[in-house]
């Protein structure tokens, strides 16, 4: 997936094709379903061979469950789980 640099800032913005967007949306839906929506502000991104998870939850169990769902769906990718437990 190419990275586009926004000409108005120093922020790199990921560029996704249609299939990648579908896969991201589907993974986000599966995580939300399996965790019963207990990850607030859930965000799923991909960078190269990595999946990044962001959001907030109130238990480590829910964070681990999100990890398991992502790995079950994408066993060959590296996972970075940045879901914050508050």
N, C-alpha and C. Protein backbone atom coordinates (compact mmCIF):
# COMPACT_ATOMS: atom_id res chain seq x y z
N UNK A 1 0.83 -1.17 0.00
CA UNK A 1 0.00 0.00 0.00
C UNK A 1 0.88 1.24 0.00
N UNK A 2 0.71 2.14 -0.93
CA UNK A 2 1.52 3.35 -0.99
C UNK A 2 1.10 4.34 0.09
N UNK A 3 2.03 5.17 0.47
CA UNK A 3 1.77 6.24 1.43
C UNK A 3 1.81 7.56 0.68
N UNK A 4 0.77 8.35 0.82
CA UNK A 4 0.72 9.67 0.20
C UNK A 4 1.05 10.72 1.23
N UNK A 5 1.87 11.66 0.88
CA UNK A 5 2.19 12.75 1.79
C UNK A 5 1.28 13.92 1.47
N UNK A 6 0.54 14.35 2.48
CA UNK A 6 -0.37 15.48 2.32
C UNK A 6 0.47 16.73 2.09
N UNK A 7 0.19 17.44 1.03
CA UNK A 7 1.00 18.60 0.67
C UNK A 7 0.83 19.76 1.64
N UNK A 8 -0.23 19.74 2.46
CA UNK A 8 -0.48 20.82 3.40
C UNK A 8 0.11 20.57 4.78
N UNK A 9 0.68 19.40 5.01
CA UNK A 9 1.23 19.10 6.33
C UNK A 9 2.34 18.08 6.20
N UNK A 10 2.94 17.76 7.33
CA UNK A 10 4.02 16.78 7.36
C UNK A 10 3.48 15.40 7.72
N UNK A 11 2.18 15.19 7.59
CA UNK A 11 1.56 13.92 7.95
C UNK A 11 1.51 13.01 6.73
N UNK A 12 1.89 11.75 6.93
CA UNK A 12 1.76 10.75 5.87
C UNK A 12 0.38 10.12 5.99
N UNK A 13 -0.34 10.05 4.89
CA UNK A 13 -1.69 9.52 4.86
C UNK A 13 -1.66 8.22 4.07
N UNK A 14 -2.14 7.10 4.70
CA UNK A 14 -2.14 5.85 3.96
C UNK A 14 -3.10 5.90 2.78
N UNK A 15 -2.73 5.22 1.71
CA UNK A 15 -3.56 5.14 0.52
C UNK A 15 -3.99 3.69 0.33
N UNK A 16 -5.29 3.42 0.34
CA UNK A 16 -5.81 2.06 0.25
C UNK A 16 -6.54 1.85 -1.06
N UNK A 17 -6.46 0.63 -1.59
CA UNK A 17 -7.31 0.31 -2.73
C UNK A 17 -8.64 -0.25 -2.21
N UNK A 18 -9.58 -0.50 -3.09
CA UNK A 18 -10.93 -0.92 -2.70
C UNK A 18 -10.92 -2.21 -1.89
N UNK A 19 -10.13 -3.21 -2.29
CA UNK A 19 -10.09 -4.49 -1.57
C UNK A 19 -9.53 -4.31 -0.17
N UNK A 20 -8.49 -3.48 -0.03
CA UNK A 20 -7.92 -3.23 1.29
C UNK A 20 -8.94 -2.55 2.20
N UNK A 21 -9.69 -1.59 1.66
CA UNK A 21 -10.72 -0.92 2.45
C UNK A 21 -11.78 -1.90 2.91
N UNK A 22 -12.18 -2.82 2.04
CA UNK A 22 -13.17 -3.83 2.40
C UNK A 22 -12.62 -4.72 3.51
N UNK A 23 -11.37 -5.17 3.37
CA UNK A 23 -10.77 -6.05 4.38
C UNK A 23 -10.65 -5.34 5.72
N UNK A 24 -10.27 -4.08 5.71
CA UNK A 24 -10.16 -3.31 6.95
C UNK A 24 -11.53 -3.18 7.61
N UNK A 25 -12.53 -2.83 6.81
CA UNK A 25 -13.90 -2.68 7.34
C UNK A 25 -14.41 -4.00 7.90
N UNK A 26 -14.13 -5.09 7.21
CA UNK A 26 -14.58 -6.40 7.66
C UNK A 26 -13.88 -6.80 8.96
N UNK A 27 -12.59 -6.56 9.07
CA UNK A 27 -11.87 -6.87 10.30
C UNK A 27 -12.39 -6.02 11.45
N UNK A 28 -12.62 -4.76 11.20
CA UNK A 28 -13.17 -3.87 12.23
C UNK A 28 -14.53 -4.38 12.70
N UNK A 29 -15.36 -4.81 11.75
CA UNK A 29 -16.68 -5.34 12.10
C UNK A 29 -16.56 -6.61 12.95
N UNK A 30 -15.64 -7.49 12.58
CA UNK A 30 -15.47 -8.74 13.34
C UNK A 30 -14.96 -8.47 14.75
N UNK A 31 -14.02 -7.55 14.88
CA UNK A 31 -13.52 -7.21 16.22
C UNK A 31 -14.65 -6.62 17.06
N UNK A 32 -15.41 -5.71 16.48
CA UNK A 32 -16.52 -5.09 17.22
C UNK A 32 -17.55 -6.15 17.63
N UNK A 33 -17.81 -7.10 16.75
CA UNK A 33 -18.78 -8.15 17.05
C UNK A 33 -18.28 -9.05 18.18
N UNK A 34 -17.05 -9.55 18.04
CA UNK A 34 -16.50 -10.48 19.05
C UNK A 34 -16.27 -9.83 20.40
N UNK A 35 -16.04 -8.53 20.42
CA UNK A 35 -15.82 -7.84 21.70
C UNK A 35 -17.10 -7.16 22.20
N UNK A 36 -18.21 -7.43 21.54
CA UNK A 36 -19.52 -6.84 21.89
C UNK A 36 -19.45 -5.32 21.94
N UNK A 37 -18.66 -4.75 21.03
CA UNK A 37 -18.57 -3.29 20.94
C UNK A 37 -17.87 -2.63 22.11
N UNK A 38 -17.07 -3.39 22.86
CA UNK A 38 -16.43 -2.85 24.06
C UNK A 38 -15.09 -2.17 23.80
N UNK A 39 -14.74 -1.97 22.52
CA UNK A 39 -13.57 -1.16 22.17
C UNK A 39 -14.10 0.16 21.62
N UNK A 40 -13.94 1.22 22.40
CA UNK A 40 -14.40 2.53 21.96
C UNK A 40 -13.42 3.12 20.95
N UNK A 41 -13.93 3.85 19.99
CA UNK A 41 -13.11 4.51 18.96
C UNK A 41 -12.19 3.52 18.25
N UNK A 42 -12.68 2.33 17.97
CA UNK A 42 -11.87 1.30 17.30
C UNK A 42 -11.45 1.78 15.92
N UNK A 43 -10.16 1.65 15.66
CA UNK A 43 -9.60 2.00 14.37
C UNK A 43 -8.66 0.88 13.95
N UNK A 44 -8.76 0.47 12.69
CA UNK A 44 -7.89 -0.57 12.13
C UNK A 44 -7.18 0.03 10.93
N UNK A 45 -5.87 -0.08 10.90
CA UNK A 45 -5.08 0.43 9.79
C UNK A 45 -4.09 -0.64 9.35
N UNK A 46 -3.64 -0.55 8.11
CA UNK A 46 -2.58 -1.44 7.63
C UNK A 46 -1.45 -0.59 7.08
N UNK A 47 -0.25 -1.04 7.32
CA UNK A 47 0.96 -0.43 6.76
C UNK A 47 1.86 -1.57 6.32
N UNK A 48 1.99 -1.75 5.03
CA UNK A 48 2.82 -2.85 4.53
C UNK A 48 2.27 -4.18 5.01
N UNK A 49 3.10 -4.93 5.73
CA UNK A 49 2.71 -6.24 6.25
C UNK A 49 2.26 -6.17 7.70
N UNK A 50 1.81 -5.02 8.15
CA UNK A 50 1.40 -4.85 9.54
C UNK A 50 -0.05 -4.36 9.64
N UNK A 51 -0.71 -4.83 10.69
CA UNK A 51 -2.05 -4.34 11.04
C UNK A 51 -1.90 -3.60 12.36
N UNK A 52 -2.48 -2.42 12.43
CA UNK A 52 -2.44 -1.61 13.65
C UNK A 52 -3.85 -1.45 14.17
N UNK A 53 -4.02 -1.72 15.47
CA UNK A 53 -5.31 -1.55 16.13
C UNK A 53 -5.20 -0.40 17.11
N UNK A 54 -6.20 0.47 17.11
CA UNK A 54 -6.26 1.59 18.04
C UNK A 54 -7.65 1.64 18.65
N UNK A 55 -7.73 2.19 19.84
CA UNK A 55 -9.00 2.36 20.52
C UNK A 55 -8.80 2.33 22.01
N UNK A 56 -9.91 2.21 22.73
CA UNK A 56 -9.87 2.16 24.20
C UNK A 56 -10.85 1.11 24.69
N UNK A 57 -10.46 0.43 25.74
CA UNK A 57 -11.35 -0.52 26.39
C UNK A 57 -11.05 -0.50 27.89
N UNK A 58 -11.89 -1.18 28.65
CA UNK A 58 -11.67 -1.15 30.10
C UNK A 58 -11.11 -2.45 30.66
N UNK A 59 -10.81 -3.45 29.82
CA UNK A 59 -10.20 -4.68 30.33
C UNK A 59 -9.12 -5.19 29.37
N UNK A 60 -8.13 -5.85 29.95
CA UNK A 60 -7.09 -6.47 29.13
C UNK A 60 -7.65 -7.66 28.35
N UNK A 61 -8.69 -8.29 28.88
CA UNK A 61 -9.31 -9.41 28.18
C UNK A 61 -9.86 -8.96 26.82
N UNK A 62 -10.52 -7.82 26.79
CA UNK A 62 -11.08 -7.31 25.52
C UNK A 62 -9.94 -6.95 24.56
N UNK A 63 -8.87 -6.38 25.08
CA UNK A 63 -7.71 -6.06 24.23
C UNK A 63 -7.15 -7.35 23.64
N UNK A 64 -7.02 -8.39 24.45
CA UNK A 64 -6.50 -9.67 23.97
C UNK A 64 -7.45 -10.31 22.97
N UNK A 65 -8.74 -10.18 23.21
CA UNK A 65 -9.72 -10.73 22.28
C UNK A 65 -9.62 -10.06 20.91
N UNK A 66 -9.43 -8.74 20.90
CA UNK A 66 -9.23 -8.03 19.63
C UNK A 66 -7.97 -8.54 18.92
N UNK A 67 -6.92 -8.79 19.69
CA UNK A 67 -5.68 -9.34 19.13
C UNK A 67 -5.96 -10.69 18.47
N UNK A 68 -6.67 -11.54 19.18
CA UNK A 68 -6.94 -12.89 18.67
C UNK A 68 -7.76 -12.85 17.38
N UNK A 69 -8.76 -11.99 17.34
CA UNK A 69 -9.57 -11.87 16.12
C UNK A 69 -8.70 -11.43 14.95
N UNK A 70 -7.88 -10.40 15.17
CA UNK A 70 -7.03 -9.88 14.09
C UNK A 70 -6.04 -10.94 13.60
N UNK A 71 -5.45 -11.69 14.52
CA UNK A 71 -4.49 -12.72 14.13
C UNK A 71 -5.17 -13.91 13.45
N UNK A 72 -6.37 -14.27 13.91
CA UNK A 72 -7.10 -15.36 13.27
C UNK A 72 -7.42 -15.02 11.82
N UNK A 73 -7.75 -13.76 11.56
CA UNK A 73 -8.11 -13.32 10.22
C UNK A 73 -6.89 -13.08 9.33
N UNK A 74 -5.74 -12.78 9.94
CA UNK A 74 -4.53 -12.40 9.19
C UNK A 74 -3.30 -13.05 9.81
N UNK A 75 -3.17 -14.37 9.75
CA UNK A 75 -2.08 -15.05 10.45
C UNK A 75 -0.68 -14.73 9.91
N UNK A 76 -0.57 -14.23 8.69
CA UNK A 76 0.74 -13.97 8.11
C UNK A 76 1.20 -12.53 8.25
N UNK A 77 0.41 -11.70 8.93
CA UNK A 77 0.76 -10.29 9.08
C UNK A 77 1.22 -10.01 10.51
N UNK A 78 1.99 -8.97 10.67
CA UNK A 78 2.43 -8.53 11.99
C UNK A 78 1.33 -7.67 12.58
N UNK A 79 1.06 -7.88 13.86
CA UNK A 79 0.01 -7.12 14.53
C UNK A 79 0.63 -6.18 15.56
N UNK A 80 0.18 -4.94 15.54
CA UNK A 80 0.54 -3.96 16.57
C UNK A 80 -0.78 -3.55 17.23
N UNK A 81 -0.98 -3.98 18.48
CA UNK A 81 -2.20 -3.67 19.18
C UNK A 81 -1.95 -2.49 20.10
N UNK A 82 -2.41 -1.32 19.69
CA UNK A 82 -2.26 -0.09 20.49
C UNK A 82 -3.57 0.29 21.18
N UNK A 83 -4.44 -0.69 21.39
CA UNK A 83 -5.66 -0.42 22.14
C UNK A 83 -5.27 -0.13 23.58
N UNK A 84 -5.76 0.98 24.07
CA UNK A 84 -5.44 1.44 25.42
C UNK A 84 -6.44 0.87 26.41
N UNK A 85 -5.94 0.32 27.53
CA UNK A 85 -6.81 -0.14 28.59
C UNK A 85 -6.90 0.97 29.63
N UNK A 86 -8.14 1.46 29.85
CA UNK A 86 -8.31 2.59 30.76
C UNK A 86 -9.13 2.19 31.99
